[in-house]
N, C-alpha and C. Protein backbone atom coordinates (compact mmCIF):
# COMPACT_ATOMS: atom_id res chain seq x y z
N MET A 1 68.92 37.40 38.91
CA MET A 1 69.95 38.13 38.21
C MET A 1 69.58 38.24 36.74
N ALA A 2 69.92 39.36 36.15
CA ALA A 2 69.64 39.60 34.74
C ALA A 2 70.79 39.15 33.86
N GLY A 3 71.94 38.91 34.41
CA GLY A 3 73.10 38.51 33.62
C GLY A 3 74.33 39.28 34.05
N SER A 4 75.40 39.02 33.36
CA SER A 4 76.65 39.67 33.73
C SER A 4 76.68 41.11 33.23
N GLY A 5 77.51 41.89 33.84
CA GLY A 5 77.67 43.29 33.45
C GLY A 5 79.14 43.64 33.41
N GLN A 6 79.43 44.74 32.76
CA GLN A 6 80.81 45.21 32.68
C GLN A 6 80.87 46.65 33.14
N ILE A 7 81.93 47.00 33.81
CA ILE A 7 82.17 48.37 34.22
C ILE A 7 83.48 48.82 33.60
N ASP A 8 83.42 49.89 32.84
CA ASP A 8 84.62 50.47 32.26
C ASP A 8 85.29 51.33 33.32
N MET A 9 86.36 50.82 33.92
CA MET A 9 87.02 51.53 35.01
C MET A 9 87.65 52.84 34.55
N ASN A 10 88.07 52.92 33.29
CA ASN A 10 88.60 54.19 32.78
C ASN A 10 87.52 55.26 32.81
N TYR A 11 86.30 54.88 32.49
CA TYR A 11 85.19 55.84 32.53
C TYR A 11 84.81 56.16 33.97
N LEU A 12 84.78 55.13 34.82
CA LEU A 12 84.33 55.31 36.20
C LEU A 12 85.30 56.15 37.02
N ILE A 13 86.59 55.87 36.93
CA ILE A 13 87.56 56.59 37.76
C ILE A 13 88.61 57.31 36.94
N GLY A 14 88.44 57.36 35.64
CA GLY A 14 89.42 58.00 34.77
C GLY A 14 89.10 59.46 34.52
N VAL A 15 89.52 59.93 33.38
CA VAL A 15 89.37 61.36 33.05
C VAL A 15 87.90 61.75 32.89
N SER A 16 87.03 60.77 32.64
CA SER A 16 85.62 61.09 32.45
C SER A 16 84.81 60.92 33.73
N GLY A 17 85.44 60.52 34.82
CA GLY A 17 84.71 60.27 36.06
C GLY A 17 85.18 61.17 37.18
N GLY A 18 84.49 61.11 38.27
CA GLY A 18 84.87 61.89 39.44
C GLY A 18 84.31 61.23 40.69
N HIS A 19 84.83 61.61 41.83
CA HIS A 19 84.30 61.08 43.08
C HIS A 19 84.43 62.13 44.16
N MET A 20 83.73 61.89 45.24
CA MET A 20 83.76 62.82 46.37
C MET A 20 83.61 62.00 47.65
N ASN A 21 84.48 62.22 48.59
CA ASN A 21 84.38 61.62 49.92
C ASN A 21 84.00 62.71 50.90
N VAL A 22 83.12 62.37 51.84
CA VAL A 22 82.68 63.33 52.86
C VAL A 22 82.93 62.70 54.22
N ASN A 23 83.60 63.44 55.11
CA ASN A 23 83.78 62.94 56.47
C ASN A 23 83.59 64.07 57.45
N GLY A 24 83.45 63.73 58.69
CA GLY A 24 83.23 64.74 59.73
C GLY A 24 82.74 64.09 61.00
N VAL A 25 82.29 64.90 61.94
CA VAL A 25 81.83 64.44 63.25
C VAL A 25 80.49 63.72 63.09
N ALA A 26 80.36 62.58 63.72
CA ALA A 26 79.13 61.80 63.64
C ALA A 26 78.01 62.44 64.45
N GLY A 27 76.77 62.27 63.98
CA GLY A 27 75.60 62.67 64.75
C GLY A 27 75.15 64.10 64.61
N ARG A 28 75.77 64.89 63.79
CA ARG A 28 75.39 66.29 63.66
C ARG A 28 74.47 66.55 62.45
N GLY A 29 74.44 65.62 61.52
CA GLY A 29 73.59 65.78 60.34
C GLY A 29 74.17 66.65 59.25
N THR A 30 75.36 67.17 59.47
CA THR A 30 75.93 68.09 58.47
C THR A 30 76.38 67.35 57.22
N LYS A 31 76.94 66.15 57.38
CA LYS A 31 77.37 65.37 56.20
C LYS A 31 76.16 65.00 55.35
N SER A 32 75.11 64.52 56.01
CA SER A 32 73.90 64.13 55.27
C SER A 32 73.27 65.32 54.58
N SER A 33 73.21 66.46 55.27
CA SER A 33 72.64 67.66 54.66
C SER A 33 73.45 68.11 53.46
N PHE A 34 74.77 68.09 53.60
CA PHE A 34 75.64 68.47 52.49
C PHE A 34 75.44 67.53 51.31
N LEU A 35 75.41 66.22 51.58
CA LEU A 35 75.26 65.25 50.49
C LEU A 35 73.90 65.38 49.80
N MET A 36 72.84 65.60 50.56
CA MET A 36 71.53 65.76 49.95
C MET A 36 71.50 66.99 49.04
N LEU A 37 72.10 68.09 49.48
CA LEU A 37 72.18 69.28 48.64
C LEU A 37 72.99 68.99 47.39
N ARG A 38 74.12 68.29 47.53
CA ARG A 38 74.96 67.94 46.37
C ARG A 38 74.17 67.07 45.40
N PHE A 39 73.44 66.09 45.91
CA PHE A 39 72.66 65.21 45.04
C PHE A 39 71.62 66.00 44.26
N ILE A 40 70.94 66.90 44.95
CA ILE A 40 69.92 67.71 44.28
C ILE A 40 70.54 68.54 43.17
N LEU A 41 71.67 69.19 43.46
CA LEU A 41 72.33 70.01 42.44
C LEU A 41 72.83 69.17 41.27
N MET A 42 73.39 67.99 41.55
CA MET A 42 73.87 67.13 40.46
C MET A 42 72.71 66.61 39.62
N LEU A 43 71.61 66.22 40.27
CA LEU A 43 70.46 65.72 39.52
C LEU A 43 69.82 66.82 38.68
N LEU A 44 69.78 68.04 39.18
CA LEU A 44 69.25 69.16 38.40
C LEU A 44 70.12 69.42 37.17
N GLU A 45 71.43 69.35 37.35
CA GLU A 45 72.34 69.54 36.21
C GLU A 45 72.21 68.40 35.20
N ALA A 46 72.08 67.16 35.69
CA ALA A 46 71.90 66.02 34.79
C ALA A 46 70.59 66.17 34.01
N GLU A 47 69.55 66.63 34.68
CA GLU A 47 68.26 66.84 34.01
C GLU A 47 68.37 67.93 32.94
N ARG A 48 69.10 69.02 33.26
CA ARG A 48 69.30 70.10 32.30
C ARG A 48 70.07 69.60 31.07
N GLN A 49 71.10 68.80 31.31
CA GLN A 49 71.89 68.28 30.20
C GLN A 49 71.11 67.26 29.38
N ALA A 50 70.19 66.53 30.01
CA ALA A 50 69.40 65.53 29.29
C ALA A 50 68.48 66.17 28.26
N LYS A 51 68.19 67.44 28.43
CA LYS A 51 67.33 68.15 27.48
C LYS A 51 68.07 68.53 26.20
N LYS A 52 69.39 68.27 26.16
CA LYS A 52 70.20 68.55 24.98
C LYS A 52 70.51 67.22 24.30
N PRO A 53 69.68 66.76 23.39
CA PRO A 53 69.91 65.45 22.77
C PRO A 53 71.23 65.42 22.02
N GLY A 54 71.92 64.30 22.13
CA GLY A 54 73.16 64.11 21.41
C GLY A 54 74.37 64.77 22.06
N HIS A 55 74.21 65.35 23.23
CA HIS A 55 75.34 65.96 23.93
C HIS A 55 76.30 64.84 24.33
N PRO A 56 77.56 64.86 23.85
CA PRO A 56 78.45 63.72 24.07
C PRO A 56 78.95 63.56 25.50
N ASN A 57 78.90 64.61 26.29
CA ASN A 57 79.45 64.54 27.65
C ASN A 57 78.38 64.76 28.71
N ARG A 58 77.20 64.19 28.49
CA ARG A 58 76.12 64.37 29.47
C ARG A 58 76.49 63.75 30.81
N MET A 59 76.11 64.43 31.88
CA MET A 59 76.40 63.97 33.23
C MET A 59 75.49 62.80 33.59
N GLN A 60 76.06 61.81 34.26
CA GLN A 60 75.31 60.70 34.82
C GLN A 60 75.65 60.65 36.30
N VAL A 61 74.67 60.49 37.16
CA VAL A 61 74.88 60.49 38.60
C VAL A 61 74.78 59.07 39.13
N VAL A 62 75.82 58.62 39.83
CA VAL A 62 75.83 57.30 40.49
C VAL A 62 76.23 57.54 41.93
N SER A 63 75.48 56.98 42.85
CA SER A 63 75.75 57.18 44.27
C SER A 63 75.83 55.83 44.98
N HIS A 64 76.78 55.71 45.88
CA HIS A 64 76.92 54.50 46.69
C HIS A 64 77.00 54.92 48.16
N ASN A 65 76.22 54.26 48.99
CA ASN A 65 76.26 54.48 50.43
C ASN A 65 76.58 53.14 51.08
N ILE A 66 77.75 53.05 51.70
CA ILE A 66 78.16 51.76 52.26
C ILE A 66 78.05 51.74 53.78
N LYS A 67 77.61 52.81 54.38
CA LYS A 67 77.57 52.88 55.85
C LYS A 67 76.26 52.41 56.44
N CYS A 68 75.12 52.87 55.89
CA CYS A 68 73.84 52.51 56.49
C CYS A 68 72.73 52.63 55.45
N GLN A 69 71.54 52.27 55.82
CA GLN A 69 70.41 52.29 54.89
C GLN A 69 69.63 53.59 54.95
N ARG A 70 69.95 54.49 55.85
CA ARG A 70 69.13 55.69 56.06
C ARG A 70 69.33 56.77 55.02
N LEU A 71 70.48 56.86 54.41
CA LEU A 71 70.75 57.96 53.49
C LEU A 71 70.13 57.71 52.13
């Protein structure tokens, strides 16, 4: 362990944060395909914003998968 950390919940789930839940029929691959496309689009936007130094509202992408290790 590197040490303790803090998470600002107002930033994570407040006016500066967002979340998305995806559900549907298991085994069709549509949820995974949708999420992979979403990740690509979010990462491209984060990369575009990173090229603007000092931008106060730059996007940061955080992803959690609690179901399995495959995604």
